[in-house]
Amino acid sequence: MFDIQLEGLDEALALFGPKKVDKAQGRALNLAARKGRVEASRRIRKHWNIKAKDVNQRLKVVAKANPGKLTAEIVARSRPFSLSYFGAKYYRGTTVQTKKSGRRLKRSSGRSGVYVQILRGGPQTHLPDSFMIGLSSGHVGVFNRMGKARLPIREERAITLASMFQQAQVYDPAVKVIGKIWADEFTRQLTL
């Protein structure tokens, strides 16, 4: 949470009156919040290897400003993202059948498992014992067995959107954009 104060507010109140100033502030703040959300989404995608639609579904402007209430809220809520959101790819080992016993043996090609890249441009992580499953809900997840038995399994997850948003490389530029857009749009709204 942060506060931004507009400069020249007293002069604007004296020139235009409280009704027009409040209306201009509310409109300017709503635009600034939307632009701040866009900037945060862009910065998140610049740093983490995640798609825009996956970020934008969870990053919302929920409380909008109006003349009686000059606050706006950008909310970044989500459970930790499944590793499947970070470009996960699954490779299976090869299965061969021996001539003598007729048994099927799994032979690893060295590539089997899940490969995922969480940071854009960062190293690719190899999870040799993990696998990907598409659930009936449509969600595809990266899973790992909890022991040697077939079940239970658990989904492998990474970072939350809120943690991404709080990083300095995302938060600071978003706040800067909000402050600049709010001041510029406030001046523009007053001259309409």
Protein backbone atom coordinates (compact mmCIF):
# COMPACT_ATOMS: atom_id res chain seq x y z
CA MET A 1 0.00 0.00 0.00
CA PHE A 2 1.24 3.46 -0.82
CA ASP A 3 0.00 7.06 -0.85
CA ILE A 4 0.56 9.60 -3.60
CA GLN A 5 -0.16 13.28 -3.00
CA LEU A 6 -1.00 15.61 -5.87
CA GLU A 7 0.84 18.91 -5.99
CA GLY A 8 -1.20 22.05 -6.63
CA LEU A 9 -4.41 20.61 -5.22
CA ASP A 10 -5.20 23.74 -3.16
CA GLU A 11 -4.80 25.97 -6.22
CA ALA A 12 -7.03 23.66 -8.28
CA LEU A 13 -9.71 23.75 -5.56
CA ALA A 14 -9.63 27.54 -5.54
CA LEU A 15 -9.84 27.78 -9.37
CA PHE A 16 -12.31 25.02 -10.25
CA GLY A 17 -14.23 24.20 -7.08
CA PRO A 18 -14.40 20.98 -5.05
CA LYS A 19 -16.98 19.22 -7.24
CA LYS A 20 -14.91 19.41 -10.45
CA VAL A 21 -11.64 18.66 -8.62
CA ASP A 22 -13.06 15.54 -6.94
CA LYS A 23 -14.46 14.30 -10.26
CA ALA A 24 -11.13 14.90 -12.01
CA GLN A 25 -9.20 13.19 -9.21
CA GLY A 26 -11.42 10.11 -9.33
CA ARG A 27 -11.19 9.73 -13.11
CA ALA A 28 -7.44 10.32 -13.09
CA LEU A 29 -6.90 7.83 -10.27
CA ASN A 30 -8.92 5.12 -12.03
CA LEU A 31 -6.90 5.55 -15.21
CA ALA A 32 -3.66 5.54 -13.22
CA ALA A 33 -4.65 2.30 -11.45
CA ARG A 34 -5.43 0.60 -14.78
CA LYS A 35 -2.12 1.76 -16.27
CA GLY A 36 -0.28 0.66 -13.10
CA ARG A 37 -1.83 -2.80 -13.41
CA VAL A 38 -0.71 -3.00 -17.04
CA GLU A 39 2.82 -1.93 -16.09
CA ALA A 40 2.97 -4.49 -13.25
CA SER A 41 1.80 -7.25 -15.61
CA ARG A 42 4.41 -6.25 -18.19
CA ARG A 43 7.20 -6.22 -15.58
CA ILE A 44 6.14 -9.59 -14.16
CA ARG A 45 6.22 -11.15 -17.63
CA LYS A 46 9.58 -9.52 -18.34
CA HIS A 47 11.15 -11.21 -15.30
CA TRP A 48 9.21 -14.51 -15.04
CA ASN A 49 8.48 -16.96 -17.87
CA ILE A 50 4.68 -16.75 -17.65
CA LYS A 51 1.94 -15.85 -20.15
CA ALA A 52 0.03 -12.56 -20.07
CA LYS A 53 -3.39 -14.21 -19.79
CA ASP A 54 -2.29 -16.15 -16.70
CA VAL A 55 -1.10 -12.96 -14.99
CA ASN A 56 -4.00 -10.74 -16.12
CA GLN A 57 -6.64 -13.19 -14.85
CA ARG A 58 -5.27 -12.79 -11.33
CA LEU A 59 -4.13 -9.13 -11.29
CA LYS A 60 -7.19 -6.89 -10.99
CA VAL A 61 -8.22 -3.33 -10.16
CA VAL A 62 -11.01 -4.14 -7.69
CA ALA A 63 -11.85 -0.90 -5.90
CA LYS A 64 -12.33 2.12 -8.12
CA ALA A 65 -12.18 5.75 -7.04
CA ASN A 66 -15.23 8.00 -7.03
CA PRO A 67 -15.73 11.58 -5.81
CA GLY A 68 -16.51 10.42 -2.26
CA LYS A 69 -13.70 7.91 -2.01
CA LEU A 70 -10.37 8.72 -3.62
CA THR A 71 -8.70 5.32 -3.40
CA ALA A 72 -8.12 2.57 -5.93
CA GLU A 73 -6.93 -0.97 -5.29
CA ILE A 74 -4.84 -3.28 -7.44
CA VAL A 75 -5.11 -6.81 -6.07
CA ALA A 76 -2.71 -9.64 -6.89
CA ARG A 77 -4.21 -12.78 -5.39
CA SER A 78 -3.50 -16.35 -6.26
CA ARG A 79 -2.29 -19.62 -4.91
CA PRO A 80 1.26 -20.46 -5.93
CA PHE A 81 1.39 -21.03 -9.69
CA SER A 82 1.73 -24.61 -10.88
CA LEU A 83 5.03 -25.26 -12.63
CA SER A 84 3.00 -25.93 -15.78
CA TYR A 85 2.48 -22.15 -16.12
CA PHE A 86 6.22 -21.66 -16.64
CA GLY A 87 6.57 -23.43 -19.99
CA ALA A 88 6.86 -26.95 -18.57
CA LYS A 89 7.64 -29.71 -21.06
CA TYR A 90 7.37 -33.42 -20.32
CA TYR A 91 9.58 -36.07 -21.92
CA ARG A 92 8.93 -39.78 -21.42
CA GLY A 93 11.62 -42.41 -21.21
CA THR A 94 11.68 -45.04 -23.92
CA THR A 95 10.22 -48.48 -23.31
CA VAL A 96 11.78 -51.53 -24.95
CA GLN A 97 10.83 -55.19 -24.94
CA THR A 98 13.60 -57.75 -24.48
CA LYS A 99 13.68 -60.83 -26.70
CA LYS A 100 14.66 -63.34 -24.02
CA SER A 101 12.12 -62.73 -21.27
CA GLY A 102 9.50 -60.77 -23.19
CA ARG A 103 9.34 -58.29 -20.30
CA ARG A 104 8.98 -54.59 -20.97
CA LEU A 105 11.79 -52.51 -19.53
CA LYS A 106 11.93 -48.75 -19.23
CA ARG A 107 15.17 -47.36 -20.49
CA SER A 108 15.88 -43.73 -19.75
CA SER A 109 17.09 -41.65 -22.63
CA GLY A 110 18.56 -39.09 -20.21
CA ARG A 111 15.81 -36.65 -21.09
CA SER A 112 12.86 -38.17 -19.25
CA GLY A 113 11.00 -36.01 -16.75
CA VAL A 114 9.76 -32.41 -16.74
CA TYR A 115 11.76 -29.38 -17.82
CA VAL A 116 10.67 -25.95 -16.62
CA GLN A 117 12.09 -22.43 -16.85
CA ILE A 118 10.71 -20.14 -14.13
CA LEU A 119 12.83 -17.02 -14.73
CA ARG A 120 12.83 -15.61 -18.25
CA GLY A 121 16.28 -16.17 -19.71
CA GLY A 122 17.26 -18.18 -16.64
CA PRO A 123 18.38 -21.78 -16.41
CA GLN A 124 16.02 -24.61 -17.27
CA THR A 125 15.29 -26.89 -14.31
CA HIS A 126 15.08 -30.65 -14.87
CA LEU A 127 12.73 -32.61 -12.60
CA PRO A 128 13.49 -36.23 -13.54
CA ASP A 129 10.83 -37.87 -11.33
CA SER A 130 7.99 -35.47 -12.19
CA PHE A 131 5.25 -35.92 -14.79
CA MET A 132 2.39 -33.87 -16.23
CA ILE A 133 -1.32 -34.73 -15.98
CA GLY A 134 -4.35 -33.04 -17.50
CA LEU A 135 -7.19 -32.97 -14.98
CA SER A 136 -10.93 -33.14 -15.77
CA SER A 137 -11.21 -29.42 -14.91
CA GLY A 138 -8.92 -28.61 -17.85
CA HIS A 139 -5.95 -27.74 -15.64
CA VAL A 140 -2.63 -29.34 -16.59
CA GLY A 141 -0.26 -29.72 -13.68
CA VAL A 142 3.23 -30.97 -12.89
CA PHE A 143 3.03 -33.76 -10.32
CA ASN A 144 5.42 -35.84 -8.24
CA ARG A 145 4.85 -39.05 -6.27
CA MET A 146 5.00 -38.75 -2.48
CA GLY A 147 6.72 -42.12 -2.06
CA LYS A 148 7.44 -45.29 -3.98
CA ALA A 149 3.76 -46.18 -4.34
CA ARG A 150 1.67 -45.00 -7.26
CA LEU A 151 -0.44 -42.77 -5.00
CA PRO A 152 -0.48 -40.24 -3.34
CA ILE A 153 0.83 -37.56 -5.67
CA ARG A 154 1.22 -33.80 -5.15
CA GLU A 155 1.30 -30.89 -7.54
CA GLU A 156 4.57 -28.99 -7.81
CA ARG A 157 4.06 -25.25 -7.39
CA ALA A 158 6.30 -22.18 -7.52
CA ILE A 159 5.73 -18.52 -6.60
CA THR A 160 2.51 -16.55 -5.97
CA LEU A 161 1.45 -13.53 -8.00
CA ALA A 162 1.50 -11.39 -4.85
CA SER A 163 5.17 -12.30 -4.28
CA MET A 164 5.96 -11.40 -7.88
CA PHE A 165 4.16 -8.05 -7.52
CA GLN A 166 6.06 -7.16 -4.33
CA GLN A 167 9.46 -7.55 -5.99
CA ALA A 168 11.25 -4.19 -6.43
CA GLN A 169 11.65 -4.67 -10.19
CA VAL A 170 7.83 -4.86 -10.50
CA TYR A 171 6.47 -2.71 -7.64
CA ASP A 172 8.65 0.39 -8.04
CA PRO A 173 8.01 0.93 -11.79
CA ALA A 174 4.25 0.36 -11.28
CA VAL A 175 4.12 3.00 -8.52
CA LYS A 176 6.12 5.40 -10.68
CA VAL A 177 3.69 4.96 -13.61
CA ILE A 178 0.69 5.46 -11.31
CA GLY A 179 2.11 8.71 -9.93
CA LYS A 180 2.96 10.11 -13.35
CA ILE A 181 -0.32 9.13 -15.04
CA TRP A 182 -2.39 10.41 -12.12
CA ALA A 183 -0.74 13.85 -12.17
CA ASP A 184 -0.93 14.18 -15.97
CA GLU A 185 -4.50 12.91 -16.24
CA PHE A 186 -5.65 15.10 -13.31
CA THR A 187 -4.42 18.19 -15.16
CA ARG A 188 -6.06 17.02 -18.39
CA GLN A 189 -9.39 16.27 -16.66
CA LEU A 190 -9.47 19.77 -15.12
CA THR A 191 -9.08 21.42 -18.53
CA LEU A 192 -11.96 19.48 -20.15
